[in-house]
N, C-alpha and C. Protein backbone atom coordinates (compact mmCIF):
# COMPACT_ATOMS: atom_id res chain seq x y z
N UNK A 1 -1.82 -32.78 27.00
CA UNK A 1 -3.15 -33.30 27.27
C UNK A 1 -4.12 -32.71 26.25
N UNK A 2 -4.90 -33.57 25.62
CA UNK A 2 -5.92 -33.14 24.67
C UNK A 2 -7.29 -33.43 25.28
N UNK A 3 -8.16 -32.42 25.30
CA UNK A 3 -9.45 -32.55 25.97
C UNK A 3 -10.55 -32.01 25.07
N UNK A 4 -11.62 -32.81 24.88
CA UNK A 4 -12.80 -32.33 24.17
C UNK A 4 -13.58 -31.44 25.12
N UNK A 5 -13.81 -30.19 24.71
CA UNK A 5 -14.48 -29.25 25.60
C UNK A 5 -15.93 -28.98 25.21
N UNK A 6 -16.31 -29.31 23.97
CA UNK A 6 -17.70 -29.09 23.53
C UNK A 6 -17.90 -29.68 22.15
N UNK A 7 -19.15 -29.87 21.79
CA UNK A 7 -19.49 -30.20 20.40
C UNK A 7 -19.52 -28.87 19.65
N UNK A 8 -19.04 -28.87 18.42
CA UNK A 8 -19.03 -27.64 17.62
C UNK A 8 -20.44 -27.06 17.52
N UNK A 9 -21.44 -27.91 17.30
CA UNK A 9 -22.82 -27.45 17.14
C UNK A 9 -23.37 -26.77 18.39
N UNK A 10 -22.81 -27.09 19.56
CA UNK A 10 -23.27 -26.50 20.82
C UNK A 10 -22.50 -25.24 21.19
N UNK A 11 -21.55 -24.82 20.36
CA UNK A 11 -20.66 -23.70 20.65
C UNK A 11 -20.93 -22.63 19.60
N UNK A 12 -21.74 -21.65 19.93
CA UNK A 12 -22.19 -20.65 18.96
C UNK A 12 -21.11 -19.60 18.68
N UNK A 13 -21.08 -19.03 17.46
CA UNK A 13 -20.15 -17.93 17.17
C UNK A 13 -20.33 -16.79 18.18
N UNK A 14 -19.23 -16.26 18.66
CA UNK A 14 -19.26 -15.20 19.67
C UNK A 14 -19.28 -15.72 21.09
N UNK A 15 -19.44 -17.03 21.26
CA UNK A 15 -19.51 -17.63 22.60
C UNK A 15 -18.11 -17.90 23.14
N UNK A 16 -18.00 -17.88 24.45
CA UNK A 16 -16.77 -18.28 25.14
C UNK A 16 -17.15 -19.23 26.26
N UNK A 17 -16.22 -20.12 26.56
CA UNK A 17 -16.39 -21.03 27.70
C UNK A 17 -15.08 -21.08 28.45
N UNK A 18 -15.18 -21.06 29.75
CA UNK A 18 -13.99 -21.22 30.59
C UNK A 18 -14.02 -22.63 31.12
N UNK A 19 -12.98 -23.39 30.79
CA UNK A 19 -12.92 -24.81 31.15
C UNK A 19 -11.67 -25.07 31.98
N UNK A 20 -11.71 -26.14 32.74
CA UNK A 20 -10.54 -26.56 33.50
C UNK A 20 -9.94 -27.76 32.78
N UNK A 21 -8.65 -27.65 32.48
CA UNK A 21 -7.90 -28.74 31.85
C UNK A 21 -6.72 -29.02 32.77
N UNK A 22 -6.79 -30.13 33.49
CA UNK A 22 -5.78 -30.39 34.51
C UNK A 22 -5.86 -29.30 35.57
N UNK A 23 -4.74 -28.62 35.80
CA UNK A 23 -4.71 -27.54 36.80
C UNK A 23 -4.90 -26.16 36.16
N UNK A 24 -5.11 -26.13 34.85
CA UNK A 24 -5.23 -24.85 34.14
C UNK A 24 -6.69 -24.46 33.94
N UNK A 25 -6.96 -23.17 34.07
CA UNK A 25 -8.24 -22.59 33.68
C UNK A 25 -8.00 -21.95 32.31
N UNK A 26 -8.78 -22.37 31.31
CA UNK A 26 -8.56 -21.95 29.94
C UNK A 26 -9.85 -21.40 29.36
N UNK A 27 -9.75 -20.26 28.69
CA UNK A 27 -10.89 -19.69 27.97
C UNK A 27 -10.86 -20.16 26.53
N UNK A 28 -11.98 -20.71 26.06
CA UNK A 28 -12.10 -21.15 24.67
C UNK A 28 -13.12 -20.22 24.01
N UNK A 29 -12.73 -19.59 22.91
CA UNK A 29 -13.55 -18.58 22.23
C UNK A 29 -13.84 -19.04 20.81
N UNK A 30 -15.09 -18.82 20.38
CA UNK A 30 -15.42 -19.05 18.98
C UNK A 30 -15.66 -17.67 18.36
N UNK A 31 -14.82 -17.32 17.41
CA UNK A 31 -14.93 -16.05 16.69
C UNK A 31 -15.22 -16.41 15.24
N UNK A 32 -16.46 -16.21 14.82
CA UNK A 32 -16.86 -16.67 13.49
C UNK A 32 -16.78 -18.18 13.46
N UNK A 33 -15.99 -18.72 12.55
CA UNK A 33 -15.81 -20.17 12.46
C UNK A 33 -14.47 -20.63 13.04
N UNK A 34 -13.71 -19.72 13.63
CA UNK A 34 -12.41 -20.08 14.22
C UNK A 34 -12.55 -20.22 15.73
N UNK A 35 -11.71 -21.10 16.29
CA UNK A 35 -11.66 -21.30 17.73
C UNK A 35 -10.29 -20.88 18.25
N UNK A 36 -10.29 -20.27 19.43
CA UNK A 36 -9.06 -19.85 20.08
C UNK A 36 -9.10 -20.32 21.53
N UNK A 37 -7.94 -20.61 22.09
CA UNK A 37 -7.85 -20.98 23.51
C UNK A 37 -6.71 -20.20 24.12
N UNK A 38 -6.97 -19.61 25.28
CA UNK A 38 -5.98 -18.77 25.96
C UNK A 38 -6.08 -19.01 27.46
N UNK A 39 -4.95 -18.94 28.13
CA UNK A 39 -4.91 -19.14 29.57
C UNK A 39 -5.75 -18.07 30.27
N UNK A 40 -6.57 -18.46 31.22
CA UNK A 40 -7.43 -17.54 31.96
C UNK A 40 -6.63 -16.90 33.11
N UNK A 41 -5.47 -16.38 32.78
CA UNK A 41 -4.57 -15.79 33.77
C UNK A 41 -3.84 -14.64 33.09
N UNK A 42 -4.17 -13.42 33.46
CA UNK A 42 -3.52 -12.26 32.85
C UNK A 42 -2.07 -12.18 33.34
N UNK A 43 -1.10 -12.15 32.42
CA UNK A 43 0.30 -12.07 32.83
C UNK A 43 0.65 -10.75 33.51
N UNK A 44 -0.19 -9.73 33.37
CA UNK A 44 0.10 -8.43 33.97
C UNK A 44 -0.05 -8.46 35.49
N UNK A 45 -1.24 -8.81 35.98
CA UNK A 45 -1.48 -8.82 37.43
C UNK A 45 -2.29 -10.03 37.88
N UNK A 46 -2.28 -11.10 37.09
CA UNK A 46 -2.91 -12.37 37.43
C UNK A 46 -4.43 -12.32 37.49
N UNK A 47 -5.04 -11.38 36.82
CA UNK A 47 -6.50 -11.28 36.80
C UNK A 47 -7.14 -12.39 35.98
N UNK A 48 -8.47 -12.56 36.11
CA UNK A 48 -9.21 -13.57 35.35
C UNK A 48 -9.41 -13.09 33.91
N UNK A 49 -8.40 -13.24 33.09
CA UNK A 49 -8.35 -12.67 31.74
C UNK A 49 -9.59 -12.97 30.92
N UNK A 50 -10.08 -14.20 30.95
CA UNK A 50 -11.15 -14.62 30.05
C UNK A 50 -12.53 -14.12 30.45
N UNK A 51 -12.63 -13.39 31.55
CA UNK A 51 -13.89 -12.74 31.91
C UNK A 51 -14.00 -11.37 31.27
N UNK A 52 -12.93 -10.93 30.61
CA UNK A 52 -12.92 -9.63 29.95
C UNK A 52 -13.73 -9.63 28.67
N UNK A 53 -13.89 -8.46 28.10
CA UNK A 53 -14.67 -8.33 26.87
C UNK A 53 -13.79 -8.56 25.65
N UNK A 54 -14.40 -9.09 24.61
CA UNK A 54 -13.70 -9.22 23.33
C UNK A 54 -14.06 -8.02 22.48
N UNK A 55 -13.12 -7.62 21.64
CA UNK A 55 -13.33 -6.45 20.82
C UNK A 55 -12.55 -6.57 19.52
N UNK A 56 -12.99 -5.84 18.49
CA UNK A 56 -12.26 -5.87 17.23
C UNK A 56 -11.05 -4.96 17.28
N UNK A 57 -10.11 -5.20 16.39
CA UNK A 57 -8.93 -4.35 16.26
C UNK A 57 -9.34 -3.08 15.54
N UNK A 58 -8.95 -1.93 16.07
CA UNK A 58 -9.21 -0.63 15.47
C UNK A 58 -7.88 -0.08 14.98
N UNK A 59 -7.83 0.34 13.73
CA UNK A 59 -6.59 0.91 13.20
C UNK A 59 -6.89 2.22 12.50
N UNK A 60 -5.85 3.04 12.34
CA UNK A 60 -5.99 4.34 11.71
C UNK A 60 -4.67 4.75 11.09
N UNK A 61 -4.73 5.36 9.91
CA UNK A 61 -3.52 5.90 9.30
C UNK A 61 -3.37 7.37 9.62
N UNK A 62 -4.36 7.96 10.27
CA UNK A 62 -4.31 9.36 10.64
C UNK A 62 -5.69 9.89 10.96
N UNK A 63 -5.80 11.18 11.26
CA UNK A 63 -7.09 11.78 11.60
C UNK A 63 -8.13 11.54 10.51
N UNK A 64 -9.32 11.17 10.91
CA UNK A 64 -10.42 10.95 9.99
C UNK A 64 -10.44 9.59 9.32
N UNK A 65 -9.42 8.77 9.54
CA UNK A 65 -9.36 7.44 8.92
C UNK A 65 -9.34 6.39 10.02
N UNK A 66 -10.43 5.65 10.15
CA UNK A 66 -10.46 4.55 11.10
C UNK A 66 -11.00 3.31 10.42
N UNK A 67 -10.44 2.18 10.80
CA UNK A 67 -10.88 0.89 10.27
C UNK A 67 -11.10 -0.06 11.45
N UNK A 68 -12.24 -0.72 11.43
CA UNK A 68 -12.58 -1.67 12.48
C UNK A 68 -12.57 -3.06 11.87
N UNK A 69 -11.80 -3.97 12.46
CA UNK A 69 -11.73 -5.35 11.96
C UNK A 69 -13.10 -6.01 12.07
N UNK A 70 -13.31 -7.03 11.26
CA UNK A 70 -14.60 -7.72 11.25
C UNK A 70 -14.79 -8.65 12.45
N UNK A 71 -13.70 -9.19 12.99
CA UNK A 71 -13.80 -10.16 14.07
C UNK A 71 -13.31 -9.58 15.39
N UNK A 72 -13.93 -10.03 16.48
CA UNK A 72 -13.50 -9.63 17.82
C UNK A 72 -12.39 -10.56 18.27
N UNK A 73 -11.15 -10.26 17.89
CA UNK A 73 -10.03 -11.14 18.23
C UNK A 73 -9.10 -10.55 19.27
N UNK A 74 -9.50 -9.45 19.90
CA UNK A 74 -8.74 -8.93 21.03
C UNK A 74 -9.55 -9.20 22.30
N UNK A 75 -8.84 -9.50 23.38
CA UNK A 75 -9.47 -9.77 24.67
C UNK A 75 -8.90 -8.79 25.67
N UNK A 76 -9.77 -8.00 26.32
CA UNK A 76 -9.35 -7.00 27.30
C UNK A 76 -9.51 -7.56 28.71
N UNK A 77 -8.43 -7.53 29.48
CA UNK A 77 -8.48 -8.00 30.86
C UNK A 77 -9.46 -7.13 31.65
N UNK A 78 -10.34 -7.73 32.45
CA UNK A 78 -11.32 -6.96 33.19
C UNK A 78 -10.72 -6.13 34.33
N UNK A 79 -9.50 -6.42 34.75
CA UNK A 79 -8.91 -5.68 35.86
C UNK A 79 -8.29 -4.35 35.42
N UNK A 80 -7.43 -4.36 34.42
CA UNK A 80 -6.70 -3.15 34.05
C UNK A 80 -6.78 -2.82 32.57
N UNK A 81 -7.53 -3.61 31.80
CA UNK A 81 -7.76 -3.28 30.40
C UNK A 81 -6.67 -3.66 29.42
N UNK A 82 -5.64 -4.38 29.87
CA UNK A 82 -4.63 -4.83 28.91
C UNK A 82 -5.33 -5.67 27.85
N UNK A 83 -4.97 -5.44 26.59
CA UNK A 83 -5.59 -6.15 25.47
C UNK A 83 -4.63 -7.22 24.96
N UNK A 84 -5.18 -8.41 24.69
CA UNK A 84 -4.39 -9.55 24.20
C UNK A 84 -4.98 -10.07 22.91
N UNK A 85 -4.12 -10.39 21.95
CA UNK A 85 -4.53 -11.02 20.70
C UNK A 85 -4.87 -12.48 21.02
N UNK A 86 -6.09 -12.91 20.71
CA UNK A 86 -6.49 -14.29 21.01
C UNK A 86 -5.65 -15.32 20.28
N UNK A 87 -5.13 -15.00 19.10
CA UNK A 87 -4.35 -15.97 18.32
C UNK A 87 -2.94 -16.15 18.84
N UNK A 88 -2.31 -15.06 19.29
CA UNK A 88 -0.89 -15.14 19.67
C UNK A 88 -0.65 -14.93 21.15
N UNK A 89 -1.60 -14.33 21.86
CA UNK A 89 -1.41 -14.00 23.26
C UNK A 89 -0.67 -12.70 23.48
N UNK A 90 -0.23 -12.03 22.41
CA UNK A 90 0.53 -10.78 22.53
C UNK A 90 -0.33 -9.69 23.15
N UNK A 91 0.25 -8.96 24.10
CA UNK A 91 -0.47 -7.85 24.73
C UNK A 91 -0.28 -6.57 23.92
N UNK A 92 -1.23 -5.67 24.09
CA UNK A 92 -1.15 -4.33 23.53
C UNK A 92 -1.57 -3.37 24.63
N UNK A 93 -1.02 -2.21 24.65
CA UNK A 93 -1.14 -1.16 25.67
C UNK A 93 0.10 -1.24 26.55
N UNK A 94 0.64 -0.14 26.83
CA UNK A 94 1.80 -0.11 27.71
C UNK A 94 3.10 -0.06 26.93
N UNK A 95 4.19 0.11 27.64
CA UNK A 95 5.49 0.25 26.99
C UNK A 95 5.94 -1.03 26.32
N UNK A 96 6.65 -0.90 25.22
CA UNK A 96 7.17 -2.08 24.53
C UNK A 96 8.36 -2.64 25.26
N UNK A 97 8.19 -3.78 25.87
CA UNK A 97 9.26 -4.48 26.55
C UNK A 97 9.40 -5.85 25.92
N UNK A 98 10.38 -6.60 26.34
CA UNK A 98 10.60 -7.94 25.80
C UNK A 98 9.38 -8.82 26.09
N UNK A 99 8.73 -9.39 25.04
CA UNK A 99 7.55 -10.21 25.27
C UNK A 99 7.90 -11.59 25.82
N UNK A 100 6.94 -12.20 26.48
CA UNK A 100 7.09 -13.57 26.95
C UNK A 100 6.82 -14.52 25.80
N UNK A 101 7.03 -15.81 26.02
CA UNK A 101 6.85 -16.84 24.99
C UNK A 101 5.38 -16.98 24.61
N UNK A 102 5.11 -17.08 23.32
CA UNK A 102 3.76 -17.35 22.81
C UNK A 102 3.76 -18.71 22.12
N UNK A 103 2.60 -19.35 22.07
CA UNK A 103 2.46 -20.63 21.40
C UNK A 103 1.65 -20.46 20.13
N UNK A 104 1.93 -21.28 19.12
CA UNK A 104 1.15 -21.26 17.89
C UNK A 104 -0.25 -21.79 18.16
N UNK A 105 -1.23 -21.28 17.42
CA UNK A 105 -2.62 -21.70 17.54
C UNK A 105 -3.09 -22.17 16.17
N UNK A 106 -3.81 -23.28 16.12
CA UNK A 106 -4.35 -23.74 14.85
C UNK A 106 -5.75 -24.30 15.05
N UNK A 107 -6.54 -24.22 14.00
CA UNK A 107 -7.87 -24.83 13.97
C UNK A 107 -7.85 -25.85 12.85
N UNK A 108 -8.29 -27.07 13.13
CA UNK A 108 -8.24 -28.12 12.12
C UNK A 108 -9.63 -28.71 11.93
N UNK A 109 -10.08 -28.72 10.69
CA UNK A 109 -11.34 -29.35 10.35
C UNK A 109 -11.17 -29.98 8.98
N UNK A 110 -10.61 -31.17 8.96
CA UNK A 110 -10.35 -31.85 7.71
C UNK A 110 -9.01 -31.49 7.11
N UNK A 111 -8.48 -30.33 7.44
CA UNK A 111 -7.14 -29.93 7.01
C UNK A 111 -6.57 -28.98 8.05
N UNK A 112 -5.29 -28.72 7.98
CA UNK A 112 -4.62 -27.89 8.97
C UNK A 112 -4.53 -26.45 8.47
N UNK A 113 -4.94 -25.52 9.31
CA UNK A 113 -4.77 -24.10 9.04
C UNK A 113 -3.90 -23.57 10.16
N UNK A 114 -2.69 -23.16 9.84
CA UNK A 114 -1.78 -22.66 10.87
C UNK A 114 -1.86 -21.15 10.98
N UNK A 115 -1.99 -20.67 12.18
CA UNK A 115 -1.91 -19.24 12.48
C UNK A 115 -0.57 -19.04 13.15
N UNK A 116 0.42 -18.57 12.39
CA UNK A 116 1.75 -18.37 12.96
C UNK A 116 1.72 -17.25 13.99
N UNK A 117 2.50 -17.41 15.02
CA UNK A 117 2.57 -16.41 16.09
C UNK A 117 3.42 -15.24 15.60
N UNK A 118 2.81 -14.39 14.82
CA UNK A 118 3.48 -13.21 14.28
C UNK A 118 2.65 -11.99 14.63
N UNK A 119 3.24 -10.81 14.45
CA UNK A 119 2.51 -9.58 14.71
C UNK A 119 1.38 -9.44 13.70
N UNK A 120 0.14 -9.51 14.18
CA UNK A 120 -1.00 -9.42 13.29
C UNK A 120 -1.51 -8.00 13.16
N UNK A 121 -1.05 -7.10 14.01
CA UNK A 121 -1.50 -5.72 14.00
C UNK A 121 -0.27 -4.82 13.90
N UNK A 122 0.27 -4.62 12.68
CA UNK A 122 1.55 -3.93 12.53
C UNK A 122 1.53 -2.47 12.97
N UNK A 123 0.35 -1.85 13.09
CA UNK A 123 0.30 -0.45 13.49
C UNK A 123 0.17 -0.27 15.00
N UNK A 124 0.22 -1.34 15.76
CA UNK A 124 0.14 -1.25 17.22
C UNK A 124 1.46 -1.68 17.83
N UNK A 125 1.83 -1.03 18.91
CA UNK A 125 3.07 -1.36 19.61
C UNK A 125 2.79 -2.49 20.58
N UNK A 126 3.53 -3.60 20.49
CA UNK A 126 3.31 -4.70 21.42
C UNK A 126 3.61 -4.28 22.85
N UNK A 127 2.83 -4.79 23.77
CA UNK A 127 3.09 -4.55 25.18
C UNK A 127 4.07 -5.59 25.71
N UNK A 128 4.35 -5.53 26.99
CA UNK A 128 5.36 -6.41 27.56
C UNK A 128 4.87 -7.82 27.88
N UNK A 129 3.58 -8.08 27.77
CA UNK A 129 3.05 -9.36 28.22
C UNK A 129 2.54 -10.21 27.06
N UNK A 130 2.65 -11.51 27.23
CA UNK A 130 2.07 -12.45 26.27
C UNK A 130 1.35 -13.53 27.08
N UNK A 131 0.05 -13.66 26.87
CA UNK A 131 -0.73 -14.69 27.55
C UNK A 131 -0.51 -16.02 26.84
N UNK A 132 -0.49 -17.09 27.60
CA UNK A 132 -0.29 -18.42 27.04
C UNK A 132 -1.52 -18.81 26.22
N UNK A 133 -1.29 -19.27 25.00
CA UNK A 133 -2.37 -19.74 24.13
C UNK A 133 -2.18 -21.22 23.86
N UNK A 134 -3.24 -21.87 23.36
CA UNK A 134 -3.21 -23.30 23.15
C UNK A 134 -3.76 -23.65 21.77
N UNK A 135 -3.33 -24.78 21.25
CA UNK A 135 -3.85 -25.28 19.98
C UNK A 135 -5.29 -25.74 20.18
N UNK A 136 -6.15 -25.38 19.24
CA UNK A 136 -7.55 -25.83 19.26
C UNK A 136 -7.81 -26.56 17.94
N UNK A 137 -8.32 -27.77 18.02
CA UNK A 137 -8.65 -28.57 16.85
C UNK A 137 -10.15 -28.84 16.84
N UNK A 138 -10.70 -29.05 15.66
CA UNK A 138 -12.07 -29.54 15.51
C UNK A 138 -11.96 -30.92 14.90
N UNK A 139 -12.37 -31.94 15.67
CA UNK A 139 -12.28 -33.32 15.22
C UNK A 139 -13.62 -34.01 15.46
N UNK A 140 -14.15 -34.60 14.42
CA UNK A 140 -15.43 -35.33 14.53
C UNK A 140 -16.48 -34.49 15.24
N UNK A 141 -16.56 -33.22 14.87
CA UNK A 141 -17.55 -32.28 15.39
C UNK A 141 -17.35 -31.90 16.85
N UNK A 142 -16.15 -32.15 17.41
CA UNK A 142 -15.84 -31.75 18.77
C UNK A 142 -14.73 -30.71 18.77
N UNK A 143 -14.81 -29.76 19.71
CA UNK A 143 -13.76 -28.77 19.90
C UNK A 143 -12.75 -29.37 20.87
N UNK A 144 -11.49 -29.49 20.43
CA UNK A 144 -10.44 -30.13 21.23
C UNK A 144 -9.38 -29.08 21.58
N UNK A 145 -9.07 -28.93 22.87
CA UNK A 145 -8.00 -28.05 23.32
C UNK A 145 -6.79 -28.91 23.65
N UNK A 146 -5.63 -28.50 23.13
CA UNK A 146 -4.39 -29.24 23.32
C UNK A 146 -3.43 -28.39 24.16
N UNK A 147 -3.14 -28.84 25.38
CA UNK A 147 -2.28 -28.07 26.27
C UNK A 147 -0.82 -28.50 26.22
N UNK A 148 -0.51 -29.48 25.37
CA UNK A 148 0.90 -29.88 25.23
C UNK A 148 1.66 -28.75 24.57
N UNK A 149 2.89 -28.51 24.99
CA UNK A 149 3.69 -27.45 24.40
C UNK A 149 3.83 -27.68 22.90
N UNK A 150 3.46 -26.70 22.11
CA UNK A 150 3.51 -26.85 20.66
C UNK A 150 2.31 -27.57 20.09
N UNK A 151 1.50 -28.21 20.92
CA UNK A 151 0.27 -28.86 20.49
C UNK A 151 0.46 -30.09 19.63
N UNK A 152 1.62 -30.72 19.71
CA UNK A 152 1.85 -31.93 18.91
C UNK A 152 2.38 -33.03 19.81
N UNK A 153 2.26 -34.26 19.34
CA UNK A 153 2.75 -35.39 20.14
C UNK A 153 4.20 -35.66 19.88
């Protein structure tokens, strides 16, 4: 199912919207000029994931060296603080266990930009959970969320 959730011009950078698509509650986030969509259901304890805060990735090679990413692409569950990558759904925090299935996410505006579901934060240990993510397209100035598996027809 493909659903227009907003006009791009009405969706400001840093904004999030929680929308219902069929029986799913989905959080749609605009981070800079990119759009992300993730299931509003924390795989850890079923909390309302998309009500959590977004934050940038923090990395360090050792004491005295810290780097903060430019974009807030991590989402922290408001219940227990599990952090999820908005692009892949991969969790961080907790023991490394076998992750659940993640979906590829892409933003399209005149051309296709694929964000492969790969480890984007190599210095962090993946957690055991992966939140379901969805393909987001920009077509004719509308933000489109695609809930079909793989996001293709």
